[in-house]
Amino acid sequence: MATRMRFAEVYEAGDAWLADCSAHPDLVRNAWELDKLALIATGEHWLAAETALVTTMQALKPHP
């Protein structure tokens, strides 16, 4: 039981952040309580870059 509580504490902060990415965090939490998916727009909380795979692989190679 103690291990289960530690997992809950670890994920609680992530769940709170993810729900707060939504304009309606309460609706997100309600959906999760029902084991349903919730729509969360990427918005300003999710910044990502997109690149071609070949370029990425070349950048990951160690250079002498």
Protein backbone atom coordinates (compact mmCIF):
# COMPACT_ATOMS: atom_id res chain seq x y z
CA MET A 1 0.00 0.00 0.00
CA ALA A 2 2.84 2.43 0.76
CA THR A 3 4.28 1.93 -2.73
CA ARG A 4 0.89 2.66 -4.24
CA MET A 5 0.69 5.94 -2.29
CA ARG A 6 4.13 7.01 -3.53
CA PHE A 7 3.04 6.44 -7.13
CA ALA A 8 -0.08 8.53 -6.51
CA GLU A 9 2.02 11.38 -5.13
CA VAL A 10 4.44 11.24 -8.06
CA TYR A 11 1.67 11.39 -10.68
CA GLU A 12 -0.52 13.89 -8.86
CA ALA A 13 1.64 16.86 -9.85
CA GLY A 14 1.70 15.76 -13.49
CA ASP A 15 -2.03 15.21 -13.53
CA ALA A 16 -2.61 18.67 -12.05
CA TRP A 17 -0.35 20.32 -14.64
CA LEU A 18 -1.94 18.44 -17.53
CA ALA A 19 -5.49 19.24 -16.41
CA ASP A 20 -4.52 22.91 -16.00
CA CYS A 21 -3.40 23.00 -19.65
CA SER A 22 -7.08 22.88 -20.51
CA ALA A 23 -9.35 25.92 -20.51
CA HIS A 24 -11.69 23.76 -18.41
CA PRO A 25 -9.57 21.70 -15.99
CA ASP A 26 -12.61 20.59 -13.98
CA LEU A 27 -14.10 18.94 -17.08
CA VAL A 28 -10.80 17.16 -17.70
CA ARG A 29 -10.70 15.85 -14.14
CA ASN A 30 -14.35 14.75 -14.36
CA ALA A 31 -13.62 12.81 -17.56
CA TRP A 32 -10.63 11.12 -15.93
CA GLU A 33 -12.75 10.13 -12.94
CA LEU A 34 -15.01 8.32 -15.41
CA ASP A 35 -11.96 6.68 -17.09
CA LYS A 36 -12.66 8.69 -20.23
CA LEU A 37 -10.38 10.74 -22.45
CA ALA A 38 -10.35 14.52 -22.21
CA LEU A 39 -9.63 17.04 -24.94
CA ILE A 40 -6.60 19.13 -24.05
CA ALA A 41 -5.46 21.68 -26.61
CA THR A 42 -1.73 22.12 -26.94
CA GLY A 43 -1.79 25.89 -26.72
CA GLU A 44 1.06 27.72 -25.02
CA HIS A 45 1.74 24.91 -22.54
CA TRP A 46 3.19 22.60 -25.17
CA LEU A 47 6.03 23.96 -27.23
CA ALA A 48 7.52 21.52 -29.69
CA ALA A 49 9.80 21.55 -32.67
CA GLU A 50 9.35 19.47 -35.78
CA THR A 51 12.16 18.32 -38.03
CA ALA A 52 12.95 15.68 -40.61
CA LEU A 53 14.11 12.34 -39.21
CA VAL A 54 17.33 12.26 -41.27
CA THR A 55 18.39 15.68 -39.99
CA THR A 56 17.65 14.65 -36.43
CA MET A 57 19.65 11.43 -36.70
CA GLN A 58 22.64 13.31 -38.10
CA ALA A 59 22.51 15.75 -35.21
CA LEU A 60 22.48 12.88 -32.70
CA LYS A 61 25.63 11.30 -34.07
CA PRO A 62 28.76 12.05 -32.02
CA HIS A 63 31.26 14.15 -33.93
CA PRO A 64 35.01 13.44 -33.64
